Amino acid sequence: SQPFKRELTQRFTPATIEAIQPDSMCIADTRVTSNERNSSYVVCVMEGEEIGGKKNCMSIGMVAVECSTGSILQARFDDCAMRMQLESNLQIARPSDLLLMDSNLSPGTQRMLETYCQGRHVRVRTFDSAKYALSGASTAIKNHLGGTSVDAILQLDYLVLQALSHTLDYLDTFGLSKLIQSETQIRQFSDIE
């Protein structure tokens, strides 16, 4: 007979543990307020092509999924050298998990993200950016969400669709991808005050 067996049964991140146990974030019997910690957003950043004629200006697509509710924030924007729009959107979402392209992030985006993550408890993961090239993102979203009500989602910018596909893959590793339904409310970052 064996004294015990040790095995890994689940993996958690700050975003995914709050989705499973939303009232369990306590420190020393004192409630942690939302201003003292990151949210439970998982944020994915996709960077597209350099904007013609403008040095260090890039097109960027972002998706933020709130793991406790399944709500989605999205944005597609052109950002120049300082990446002020990217930083502003990160300040809105305050991600606990940040998903980034495995390669080819521009130096301006890399610098801004490194600066943003310093001193914050943000779990950073990379993904293969080529996985959903061409029409792969649309197909992956159709396969995941199914049904005919995905048409509104598929009208989003392609960088946003790629970011959403990678986010669904990431959430699936924690068994949380089903929290995103085709009826999920998708809002713009700019709609958040």
N, C-alpha and C. Protein backbone atom coordinates (compact mmCIF):
# COMPACT_ATOMS: atom_id res chain seq x y z
N SER A 1 0.84 -1.19 0.00
CA SER A 1 0.00 0.00 0.00
C SER A 1 0.88 1.24 0.00
N GLN A 2 0.38 2.31 -0.62
CA GLN A 2 1.12 3.56 -0.72
C GLN A 2 0.61 4.53 0.34
N PRO A 3 1.50 5.35 0.93
CA PRO A 3 1.06 6.30 1.94
C PRO A 3 0.15 7.40 1.35
N PHE A 4 0.46 7.89 0.15
CA PHE A 4 -0.39 8.87 -0.51
C PHE A 4 0.04 9.01 -1.96
N LYS A 5 -0.80 9.65 -2.73
CA LYS A 5 -0.51 9.90 -4.14
C LYS A 5 -0.65 11.39 -4.39
N ARG A 6 0.34 11.97 -5.04
CA ARG A 6 0.32 13.40 -5.31
C ARG A 6 0.11 13.61 -6.81
N GLU A 7 -0.88 14.47 -7.16
CA GLU A 7 -1.11 14.78 -8.56
C GLU A 7 -1.72 16.18 -8.69
N LEU A 8 -1.49 16.77 -9.84
CA LEU A 8 -2.04 18.08 -10.15
C LEU A 8 -3.43 17.88 -10.73
N THR A 9 -4.44 18.49 -10.11
CA THR A 9 -5.81 18.31 -10.59
C THR A 9 -6.36 19.57 -11.25
N GLN A 10 -5.89 20.76 -10.87
CA GLN A 10 -6.36 22.00 -11.46
C GLN A 10 -5.26 23.03 -11.44
N ARG A 11 -5.35 24.01 -12.38
CA ARG A 11 -4.44 25.15 -12.40
C ARG A 11 -5.29 26.40 -12.27
N PHE A 12 -4.76 27.38 -11.55
CA PHE A 12 -5.49 28.62 -11.35
C PHE A 12 -4.58 29.82 -11.58
N THR A 13 -5.19 30.91 -11.99
CA THR A 13 -4.54 32.21 -12.04
C THR A 13 -5.42 33.13 -11.22
N PRO A 14 -4.98 34.33 -10.90
CA PRO A 14 -5.86 35.24 -10.15
C PRO A 14 -7.21 35.45 -10.84
N ALA A 15 -7.20 35.55 -12.16
CA ALA A 15 -8.46 35.75 -12.88
C ALA A 15 -9.36 34.53 -12.81
N THR A 16 -8.77 33.35 -12.99
CA THR A 16 -9.60 32.16 -13.04
C THR A 16 -10.05 31.71 -11.66
N ILE A 17 -9.27 31.93 -10.63
CA ILE A 17 -9.72 31.53 -9.29
C ILE A 17 -10.88 32.40 -8.83
N GLU A 18 -10.86 33.69 -9.20
CA GLU A 18 -11.97 34.56 -8.82
C GLU A 18 -13.23 34.18 -9.58
N ALA A 19 -13.09 33.68 -10.79
CA ALA A 19 -14.26 33.24 -11.56
C ALA A 19 -14.92 32.05 -10.89
N ILE A 20 -14.12 31.21 -10.26
CA ILE A 20 -14.66 30.02 -9.59
C ILE A 20 -15.17 30.35 -8.20
N GLN A 21 -14.44 31.18 -7.45
CA GLN A 21 -14.81 31.56 -6.09
C GLN A 21 -14.77 33.08 -5.95
N PRO A 22 -15.80 33.79 -6.41
CA PRO A 22 -15.74 35.25 -6.44
C PRO A 22 -15.63 35.93 -5.08
N ASP A 23 -15.98 35.27 -4.00
CA ASP A 23 -15.94 35.93 -2.69
C ASP A 23 -14.77 35.45 -1.83
N SER A 24 -13.75 34.88 -2.45
CA SER A 24 -12.68 34.29 -1.64
C SER A 24 -11.41 35.12 -1.61
N MET A 25 -11.44 36.36 -2.06
CA MET A 25 -10.23 37.17 -2.11
C MET A 25 -10.08 38.00 -0.84
N CYS A 26 -9.62 37.37 0.22
CA CYS A 26 -9.44 38.06 1.50
C CYS A 26 -7.97 38.00 1.92
N ILE A 27 -7.51 39.03 2.59
CA ILE A 27 -6.17 39.05 3.15
C ILE A 27 -6.29 39.42 4.62
N ALA A 28 -5.81 38.56 5.48
CA ALA A 28 -5.82 38.80 6.93
C ALA A 28 -7.19 39.27 7.42
N ASP A 29 -8.23 38.58 6.98
CA ASP A 29 -9.61 38.88 7.39
C ASP A 29 -10.07 40.28 6.99
N THR A 30 -9.37 40.92 6.11
CA THR A 30 -9.77 42.25 5.63
C THR A 30 -10.11 42.13 4.17
N ARG A 31 -11.26 42.61 3.81
CA ARG A 31 -11.71 42.53 2.42
C ARG A 31 -10.77 43.33 1.52
N VAL A 32 -10.36 42.76 0.40
CA VAL A 32 -9.53 43.45 -0.57
C VAL A 32 -10.46 44.22 -1.50
N THR A 33 -10.26 45.50 -1.60
CA THR A 33 -11.12 46.29 -2.49
C THR A 33 -10.57 46.23 -3.90
N SER A 34 -11.41 46.57 -4.86
CA SER A 34 -11.00 46.50 -6.26
C SER A 34 -9.85 47.46 -6.56
N ASN A 35 -9.66 48.49 -5.77
CA ASN A 35 -8.56 49.42 -6.00
C ASN A 35 -7.23 48.87 -5.54
N GLU A 36 -7.25 47.80 -4.72
CA GLU A 36 -6.02 47.27 -4.16
C GLU A 36 -5.46 46.08 -4.94
N ARG A 37 -6.17 45.60 -5.92
CA ARG A 37 -5.70 44.46 -6.69
C ARG A 37 -6.16 44.60 -8.13
N ASN A 38 -5.61 43.73 -8.96
CA ASN A 38 -6.02 43.71 -10.35
C ASN A 38 -7.44 43.17 -10.46
N SER A 39 -8.06 43.40 -11.58
CA SER A 39 -9.38 42.84 -11.83
C SER A 39 -9.22 41.37 -12.20
N SER A 40 -10.29 40.74 -12.61
CA SER A 40 -10.18 39.37 -13.08
C SER A 40 -10.29 39.32 -14.61
N TYR A 41 -9.80 40.37 -15.25
CA TYR A 41 -9.75 40.40 -16.72
C TYR A 41 -8.54 39.63 -17.23
N VAL A 42 -8.76 38.85 -18.27
CA VAL A 42 -7.69 38.29 -19.08
C VAL A 42 -7.65 39.16 -20.32
N VAL A 43 -6.50 39.77 -20.60
CA VAL A 43 -6.36 40.68 -21.73
C VAL A 43 -5.41 40.10 -22.75
N CYS A 44 -5.81 40.14 -24.01
CA CYS A 44 -4.97 39.68 -25.10
C CYS A 44 -4.69 40.86 -26.02
N VAL A 45 -3.42 41.03 -26.39
CA VAL A 45 -2.99 42.13 -27.26
C VAL A 45 -2.43 41.54 -28.54
N MET A 46 -3.00 41.96 -29.66
CA MET A 46 -2.50 41.58 -30.99
C MET A 46 -1.99 42.83 -31.67
N GLU A 47 -0.83 42.73 -32.27
CA GLU A 47 -0.28 43.87 -32.99
C GLU A 47 -0.27 43.53 -34.47
N GLY A 48 -0.79 44.46 -35.27
CA GLY A 48 -0.85 44.25 -36.72
C GLY A 48 0.31 44.93 -37.42
N GLU A 49 0.03 45.43 -38.56
CA GLU A 49 1.05 46.05 -39.41
C GLU A 49 1.35 47.47 -38.96
N GLU A 50 2.57 47.91 -39.32
CA GLU A 50 2.93 49.31 -39.10
C GLU A 50 2.06 50.17 -40.01
N ILE A 51 1.59 51.28 -39.48
CA ILE A 51 0.74 52.19 -40.25
C ILE A 51 1.62 52.91 -41.27
N GLY A 52 1.21 52.86 -42.51
CA GLY A 52 2.01 53.40 -43.61
C GLY A 52 2.51 54.81 -43.38
N GLY A 53 3.79 55.00 -43.55
CA GLY A 53 4.39 56.33 -43.50
C GLY A 53 4.64 56.89 -42.12
N LYS A 54 4.21 56.21 -41.08
CA LYS A 54 4.40 56.72 -39.72
C LYS A 54 5.31 55.77 -38.96
N LYS A 55 6.48 56.26 -38.61
CA LYS A 55 7.45 55.43 -37.91
C LYS A 55 6.94 55.07 -36.51
N ASN A 56 7.02 53.77 -36.18
CA ASN A 56 6.66 53.24 -34.88
C ASN A 56 5.18 53.41 -34.54
N CYS A 57 4.31 53.56 -35.55
CA CYS A 57 2.86 53.60 -35.34
C CYS A 57 2.29 52.27 -35.81
N MET A 58 1.55 51.61 -34.93
CA MET A 58 1.06 50.26 -35.21
C MET A 58 -0.45 50.17 -35.04
N SER A 59 -1.04 49.21 -35.75
CA SER A 59 -2.44 48.87 -35.51
C SER A 59 -2.46 47.80 -34.42
N ILE A 60 -3.36 47.96 -33.47
CA ILE A 60 -3.42 47.07 -32.31
C ILE A 60 -4.87 46.62 -32.10
N GLY A 61 -5.04 45.34 -31.82
CA GLY A 61 -6.34 44.79 -31.44
C GLY A 61 -6.24 44.25 -30.03
N MET A 62 -7.26 44.50 -29.23
CA MET A 62 -7.27 44.05 -27.83
C MET A 62 -8.61 43.44 -27.48
N VAL A 63 -8.55 42.42 -26.65
CA VAL A 63 -9.76 41.83 -26.07
C VAL A 63 -9.49 41.65 -24.58
N ALA A 64 -10.48 42.00 -23.77
CA ALA A 64 -10.41 41.77 -22.32
C ALA A 64 -11.67 40.99 -21.93
N VAL A 65 -11.48 39.83 -21.32
CA VAL A 65 -12.60 39.00 -20.88
C VAL A 65 -12.63 39.00 -19.37
N GLU A 66 -13.75 39.40 -18.79
CA GLU A 66 -13.96 39.38 -17.34
C GLU A 66 -14.35 37.96 -16.97
N CYS A 67 -13.46 37.25 -16.28
CA CYS A 67 -13.67 35.82 -16.02
C CYS A 67 -14.82 35.53 -15.07
N SER A 68 -15.21 36.47 -14.26
CA SER A 68 -16.31 36.19 -13.34
C SER A 68 -17.68 36.41 -13.98
N THR A 69 -17.74 37.14 -15.10
CA THR A 69 -19.04 37.42 -15.74
C THR A 69 -19.10 37.00 -17.20
N GLY A 70 -17.96 36.86 -17.85
CA GLY A 70 -17.94 36.54 -19.27
C GLY A 70 -18.08 37.75 -20.17
N SER A 71 -18.19 38.94 -19.59
CA SER A 71 -18.33 40.13 -20.44
C SER A 71 -17.00 40.42 -21.14
N ILE A 72 -17.11 41.05 -22.29
CA ILE A 72 -15.94 41.27 -23.14
C ILE A 72 -15.82 42.75 -23.48
N LEU A 73 -14.59 43.26 -23.36
CA LEU A 73 -14.24 44.58 -23.87
C LEU A 73 -13.34 44.36 -25.07
N GLN A 74 -13.51 45.20 -26.10
CA GLN A 74 -12.67 45.05 -27.27
C GLN A 74 -12.34 46.41 -27.86
N ALA A 75 -11.22 46.45 -28.56
CA ALA A 75 -10.81 47.68 -29.24
C ALA A 75 -9.86 47.34 -30.37
N ARG A 76 -9.96 48.11 -31.43
CA ARG A 76 -9.00 48.07 -32.52
C ARG A 76 -8.63 49.54 -32.76
N PHE A 77 -7.34 49.85 -32.66
CA PHE A 77 -6.92 51.24 -32.76
C PHE A 77 -5.53 51.34 -33.34
N ASP A 78 -5.19 52.51 -33.82
CA ASP A 78 -3.84 52.81 -34.28
C ASP A 78 -3.16 53.59 -33.17
N ASP A 79 -1.98 53.15 -32.78
CA ASP A 79 -1.26 53.79 -31.68
C ASP A 79 0.14 54.15 -32.14
N CYS A 80 0.59 55.32 -31.74
CA CYS A 80 1.92 55.78 -32.14
C CYS A 80 2.94 55.55 -31.03
N ALA A 81 4.09 56.14 -31.15
CA ALA A 81 5.29 55.82 -30.39
C ALA A 81 5.08 55.56 -28.90
N MET A 82 4.33 56.38 -28.21
CA MET A 82 4.19 56.24 -26.76
C MET A 82 3.17 55.17 -26.34
N ARG A 83 2.39 54.67 -27.27
CA ARG A 83 1.37 53.65 -27.01
C ARG A 83 0.39 54.10 -25.92
N MET A 84 -0.04 55.35 -26.02
CA MET A 84 -0.93 55.91 -24.98
C MET A 84 -2.30 55.23 -24.96
N GLN A 85 -2.85 54.86 -26.12
CA GLN A 85 -4.16 54.19 -26.14
C GLN A 85 -4.06 52.80 -25.54
N LEU A 86 -2.99 52.10 -25.85
CA LEU A 86 -2.78 50.77 -25.27
C LEU A 86 -2.68 50.87 -23.75
N GLU A 87 -1.90 51.82 -23.27
CA GLU A 87 -1.76 51.99 -21.83
C GLU A 87 -3.09 52.37 -21.18
N SER A 88 -3.83 53.24 -21.83
CA SER A 88 -5.14 53.65 -21.30
C SER A 88 -6.08 52.45 -21.18
N ASN A 89 -6.12 51.61 -22.19
CA ASN A 89 -6.98 50.43 -22.15
C ASN A 89 -6.53 49.44 -21.07
N LEU A 90 -5.23 49.30 -20.88
CA LEU A 90 -4.74 48.44 -19.80
C LEU A 90 -5.12 49.00 -18.43
N GLN A 91 -5.09 50.33 -18.29
CA GLN A 91 -5.50 50.96 -17.03
C GLN A 91 -6.99 50.70 -16.76
N ILE A 92 -7.79 50.65 -17.79
CA ILE A 92 -9.22 50.37 -17.63
C ILE A 92 -9.43 48.93 -17.17
N ALA A 93 -8.76 47.99 -17.85
CA ALA A 93 -8.98 46.57 -17.56
C ALA A 93 -8.22 46.08 -16.33
N ARG A 94 -7.06 46.68 -16.01
CA ARG A 94 -6.20 46.22 -14.93
C ARG A 94 -6.10 44.69 -14.93
N PRO A 95 -5.51 44.12 -15.98
CA PRO A 95 -5.53 42.66 -16.13
C PRO A 95 -4.74 41.92 -15.07
N SER A 96 -5.22 40.74 -14.75
CA SER A 96 -4.45 39.84 -13.91
C SER A 96 -3.67 38.86 -14.78
N ASP A 97 -4.14 38.67 -16.02
CA ASP A 97 -3.46 37.81 -16.99
C ASP A 97 -3.35 38.59 -18.29
N LEU A 98 -2.15 38.59 -18.88
CA LEU A 98 -1.89 39.33 -20.11
C LEU A 98 -1.32 38.35 -21.13
N LEU A 99 -2.01 38.23 -22.26
CA LEU A 99 -1.60 37.32 -23.33
C LEU A 99 -0.99 38.14 -24.45
N LEU A 100 0.23 37.77 -24.85
CA LEU A 100 0.98 38.53 -25.85
C LEU A 100 1.47 37.62 -26.97
N MET A 101 1.65 38.22 -28.14
CA MET A 101 2.22 37.51 -29.28
C MET A 101 3.62 37.00 -28.92
N ASP A 102 3.98 35.83 -29.43
CA ASP A 102 5.27 35.24 -29.10
C ASP A 102 6.44 35.97 -29.72
N SER A 103 6.22 36.67 -30.79
CA SER A 103 7.31 37.37 -31.46
C SER A 103 6.77 38.56 -32.22
N ASN A 104 7.67 39.35 -32.70
CA ASN A 104 7.34 40.46 -33.59
C ASN A 104 6.56 41.60 -32.95
N LEU A 105 6.52 41.68 -31.64
CA LEU A 105 5.97 42.89 -31.03
C LEU A 105 6.95 44.02 -31.31
N SER A 106 6.44 45.16 -31.66
CA SER A 106 7.31 46.29 -31.95
C SER A 106 8.02 46.75 -30.68
N PRO A 107 9.19 47.39 -30.82
CA PRO A 107 9.92 47.86 -29.64
C PRO A 107 9.08 48.81 -28.78
N GLY A 108 8.28 49.68 -29.39
CA GLY A 108 7.45 50.60 -28.61
C GLY A 108 6.41 49.87 -27.76
N THR A 109 5.80 48.84 -28.32
CA THR A 109 4.82 48.05 -27.58
C THR A 109 5.50 47.25 -26.47
N GLN A 110 6.64 46.64 -26.78
CA GLN A 110 7.37 45.88 -25.76
C GLN A 110 7.75 46.77 -24.59
N ARG A 111 8.27 47.95 -24.88
CA ARG A 111 8.68 48.89 -23.83
C ARG A 111 7.49 49.28 -22.95
N MET A 112 6.38 49.63 -23.60
CA MET A 112 5.20 50.05 -22.84
C MET A 112 4.68 48.92 -21.95
N LEU A 113 4.63 47.70 -22.49
CA LEU A 113 4.13 46.57 -21.70
C LEU A 113 5.06 46.22 -20.55
N GLU A 114 6.36 46.28 -20.77
CA GLU A 114 7.31 46.04 -19.67
C GLU A 114 7.14 47.07 -18.57
N THR A 115 7.00 48.32 -18.96
CA THR A 115 6.79 49.40 -17.98
C THR A 115 5.49 49.20 -17.23
N TYR A 116 4.41 48.84 -17.95
CA TYR A 116 3.11 48.64 -17.33
C TYR A 116 3.16 47.50 -16.30
N CYS A 117 3.83 46.42 -16.63
CA CYS A 117 3.84 45.23 -15.76
C CYS A 117 4.75 45.36 -14.54
N GLN A 118 5.68 46.31 -14.54
CA GLN A 118 6.58 46.48 -13.40
C GLN A 118 5.78 46.82 -12.14
N GLY A 119 6.00 46.05 -11.09
CA GLY A 119 5.36 46.32 -9.82
C GLY A 119 3.91 45.87 -9.73
N ARG A 120 3.39 45.30 -10.77
CA ARG A 120 2.01 44.79 -10.76
C ARG A 120 2.07 43.26 -10.79
N HIS A 121 1.08 42.65 -10.21
CA HIS A 121 1.00 41.20 -10.22
C HIS A 121 0.21 40.77 -11.45
N VAL A 122 0.88 40.78 -12.59
CA VAL A 122 0.27 40.42 -13.86
C VAL A 122 0.96 39.17 -14.39
N ARG A 123 0.19 38.16 -14.64
CA ARG A 123 0.73 36.92 -15.21
C ARG A 123 0.80 37.12 -16.72
N VAL A 124 1.99 37.05 -17.31
CA VAL A 124 2.18 37.27 -18.73
C VAL A 124 2.44 35.93 -19.41
N ARG A 125 1.67 35.67 -20.46
CA ARG A 125 1.82 34.44 -21.25
C ARG A 125 1.93 34.83 -22.71
N THR A 126 2.68 34.04 -23.45
CA THR A 126 2.81 34.29 -24.89
C THR A 126 2.11 33.18 -25.66
N PHE A 127 1.79 33.47 -26.92
CA PHE A 127 1.12 32.50 -27.77
C PHE A 127 1.69 32.61 -29.18
N ASP A 128 1.44 31.58 -29.95
CA ASP A 128 1.89 31.54 -31.35
C ASP A 128 0.97 32.42 -32.18
N SER A 129 1.46 33.58 -32.57
CA SER A 129 0.62 34.55 -33.27
C SER A 129 0.20 34.07 -34.66
N ALA A 130 0.91 33.10 -35.22
CA ALA A 130 0.57 32.61 -36.56
C ALA A 130 -0.58 31.61 -36.53
N LYS A 131 -0.97 31.15 -35.36
CA LYS A 131 -1.99 30.10 -35.26
C LYS A 131 -3.30 30.48 -35.92
N TYR A 132 -3.72 31.71 -35.78
CA TYR A 132 -5.00 32.14 -36.35
C TYR A 132 -4.82 33.13 -37.49
N ALA A 133 -3.80 32.90 -38.30
CA ALA A 133 -3.60 33.76 -39.46
C ALA A 133 -4.72 33.50 -40.49
N LEU A 134 -4.86 34.43 -41.40
CA LEU A 134 -5.86 34.36 -42.47
C LEU A 134 -7.26 34.19 -41.86
N SER A 135 -8.00 33.16 -42.22
CA SER A 135 -9.38 33.04 -41.73
C SER A 135 -9.49 32.14 -40.51
N GLY A 136 -8.38 31.74 -39.94
CA GLY A 136 -8.40 30.81 -38.82
C GLY A 136 -9.14 31.32 -37.60
N ALA A 137 -9.06 32.61 -37.32
CA ALA A 137 -9.74 33.16 -36.13
C ALA A 137 -11.26 33.05 -36.27
N SER A 138 -11.78 33.39 -37.43
CA SER A 138 -13.24 33.31 -37.64
C SER A 138 -13.72 31.87 -37.50
N THR A 139 -12.98 30.95 -38.08
CA THR A 139 -13.35 29.53 -38.00
C THR A 139 -13.31 29.05 -36.55
N ALA A 140 -12.28 29.42 -35.81
CA ALA A 140 -12.16 29.00 -34.41
C ALA A 140 -13.32 29.53 -33.57
N ILE A 141 -13.69 30.79 -33.80
CA ILE A 141 -14.80 31.37 -33.04
C ILE A 141 -16.11 30.68 -33.40
N LYS A 142 -16.35 30.42 -34.67
CA LYS A 142 -17.56 29.69 -35.09
C LYS A 142 -17.61 28.32 -34.44
N ASN A 143 -16.47 27.62 -34.44
CA ASN A 143 -16.42 26.28 -33.84
C ASN A 143 -16.66 26.33 -32.34
N HIS A 144 -16.12 27.35 -31.69
CA HIS A 144 -16.28 27.45 -30.24
C HIS A 144 -17.69 27.84 -29.85
N LEU A 145 -18.21 28.89 -30.47
CA LEU A 145 -19.51 29.42 -30.07
C LEU A 145 -20.67 28.75 -30.77
N GLY A 146 -20.45 28.28 -32.00
CA GLY A 146 -21.50 27.61 -32.75
C GLY A 146 -22.70 28.50 -32.99
N GLY A 147 -23.70 27.95 -33.65
CA GLY A 147 -24.94 28.68 -33.87
C GLY A 147 -24.81 29.83 -34.86
N THR A 148 -25.92 30.46 -35.09
CA THR A 148 -25.96 31.56 -36.06
C THR A 148 -25.79 32.92 -35.41
N SER A 149 -25.84 32.97 -34.10
CA SER A 149 -25.77 34.27 -33.43
C SER A 149 -24.34 34.79 -33.28
N VAL A 150 -23.37 34.14 -33.90
CA VAL A 150 -22.00 34.63 -33.85
C VAL A 150 -21.73 35.67 -34.91
N ASP A 151 -22.70 35.93 -35.78
CA ASP A 151 -22.48 36.88 -36.88
C ASP A 151 -22.05 38.25 -36.39
N ALA A 152 -22.63 38.72 -35.30
CA ALA A 152 -22.25 40.04 -34.77
C ALA A 152 -20.80 40.03 -34.30
N ILE A 153 -20.38 38.96 -33.70
CA ILE A 153 -18.99 38.85 -33.24
C ILE A 153 -18.04 38.82 -34.44
N LEU A 154 -18.43 38.12 -35.48
CA LEU A 154 -17.56 37.98 -36.65
C LEU A 154 -17.44 39.27 -37.45
N GLN A 155 -18.23 40.28 -37.12
CA GLN A 155 -18.13 41.58 -37.79
C GLN A 155 -17.02 42.44 -37.17
N LEU A 156 -16.45 42.00 -36.06
CA LEU A 156 -15.38 42.76 -35.42
C LEU A 156 -14.13 42.75 -36.30
N ASP A 157 -13.23 43.68 -36.06
CA ASP A 157 -11.97 43.76 -36.79
C ASP A 157 -11.20 42.46 -36.63
N TYR A 158 -10.42 42.12 -37.67
CA TYR A 158 -9.73 40.84 -37.64
C TYR A 158 -8.70 40.73 -36.52
N LEU A 159 -8.02 41.82 -36.16
CA LEU A 159 -7.09 41.75 -35.03
C LEU A 159 -7.83 41.41 -33.74
N VAL A 160 -9.04 41.93 -33.58
CA VAL A 160 -9.85 41.63 -32.39
C VAL A 160 -10.28 40.17 -32.42
N LEU A 161 -10.66 39.66 -33.59
CA LEU A 161 -11.04 38.25 -33.71
C LEU A 161 -9.87 37.34 -33.36
N GLN A 162 -8.67 37.70 -33.81
CA GLN A 162 -7.49 36.90 -33.46
C GLN A 162 -7.27 36.92 -31.95
N ALA A 163 -7.38 38.10 -31.34
CA ALA A 163 -7.19 38.20 -29.89
C ALA A 163 -8.24 37.38 -29.15
N LEU A 164 -9.49 37.42 -29.61
CA LEU A 164 -10.54 36.64 -28.97
C LEU A 164 -10.27 35.14 -29.11
N SER A 165 -9.80 34.70 -30.26
CA SER A 165 -9.49 33.28 -30.46
C SER A 165 -8.40 32.81 -29.52
N HIS A 166 -7.34 33.60 -29.38
CA HIS A 166 -6.26 33.23 -28.47
C HIS A 166 -6.74 33.25 -27.01
N THR A 167 -7.61 34.18 -26.68
CA THR A 167 -8.16 34.25 -25.32
C THR A 167 -9.01 33.02 -25.03
N LEU A 168 -9.82 32.59 -26.00
CA LEU A 168 -10.63 31.37 -25.83
C LEU A 168 -9.72 30.15 -25.61
N ASP A 169 -8.63 30.06 -26.35
CA ASP A 169 -7.68 28.96 -26.15
C ASP A 169 -7.13 28.98 -24.73
N TYR A 170 -6.75 30.16 -24.26
CA TYR A 170 -6.17 30.30 -22.92
C TYR A 170 -7.20 29.92 -21.85
N LEU A 171 -8.41 30.43 -21.97
CA LEU A 171 -9.45 30.12 -20.99
C LEU A 171 -9.80 28.63 -21.01
N ASP A 172 -9.70 28.02 -22.17
CA ASP A 172 -10.01 26.59 -22.29
C ASP A 172 -9.07 25.74 -21.45
N THR A 173 -7.82 26.18 -21.26
CA THR A 173 -6.90 25.41 -20.42
C THR A 173 -7.34 25.37 -18.97
N PHE A 174 -8.21 26.28 -18.56
CA PHE A 174 -8.74 26.31 -17.20
C PHE A 174 -10.20 25.86 -17.15
N GLY A 175 -10.72 25.40 -18.26
CA GLY A 175 -12.11 24.97 -18.31
C GLY A 175 -13.09 26.12 -18.26
N LEU A 176 -12.66 27.33 -18.66
CA LEU A 176 -13.52 28.51 -18.55
C LEU A 176 -13.95 29.09 -19.89
N SER A 177 -13.61 28.46 -20.99
CA SER A 177 -13.95 29.05 -22.28
C SER A 177 -15.45 29.07 -22.53
N LYS A 178 -16.20 28.22 -21.88
CA LYS A 178 -17.66 28.17 -22.08
C LYS A 178 -18.37 29.36 -21.43
N LEU A 179 -17.66 30.14 -20.61
CA LEU A 179 -18.32 31.30 -20.03
C LEU A 179 -18.59 32.38 -21.08
N ILE A 180 -17.90 32.28 -22.23
CA ILE A 180 -18.18 33.20 -23.33
C ILE A 180 -19.21 32.55 -24.23
N GLN A 181 -20.34 33.18 -24.33
CA GLN A 181 -21.43 32.70 -25.16
C GLN A 181 -21.61 33.66 -26.33
N SER A 182 -22.29 33.20 -27.37
CA SER A 182 -22.50 34.06 -28.52
C SER A 182 -23.37 35.26 -28.16
N GLU A 183 -24.13 35.16 -27.06
CA GLU A 183 -24.98 36.27 -26.62
C GLU A 183 -24.23 37.24 -25.70
N THR A 184 -22.98 36.94 -25.42
CA THR A 184 -22.19 37.77 -24.51
C THR A 184 -22.17 39.21 -24.98
N GLN A 185 -22.31 40.11 -24.02
CA GLN A 185 -22.25 41.52 -24.37
C GLN A 185 -20.80 41.93 -24.64
N ILE A 186 -20.58 42.45 -25.83
CA ILE A 186 -19.26 42.92 -26.20
C ILE A 186 -19.32 44.44 -26.28
N ARG A 187 -18.47 45.08 -25.49
CA ARG A 187 -18.44 46.54 -25.47
C ARG A 187 -17.08 47.04 -25.90
N GLN A 188 -17.04 48.28 -26.32
CA GLN A 188 -15.79 48.95 -26.65
C GLN A 188 -15.11 49.40 -25.37
N PHE A 189 -13.78 49.42 -25.35
CA PHE A 189 -13.06 50.02 -24.23
C PHE A 189 -13.51 51.46 -24.05
N SER A 190 -13.76 52.16 -25.13
CA SER A 190 -14.13 53.56 -25.07
C SER A 190 -15.48 53.81 -24.40
N ASP A 191 -16.29 52.76 -24.23
CA ASP A 191 -17.59 52.88 -23.55
C ASP A 191 -17.46 52.87 -22.04
N ILE A 192 -16.27 52.51 -21.53
CA ILE A 192 -16.04 52.42 -20.08
C ILE A 192 -15.53 53.77 -19.59
N GLU A 193 -16.09 54.23 -18.51
CA GLU A 193 -15.66 55.52 -17.96
C GLU A 193 -14.57 55.34 -16.94
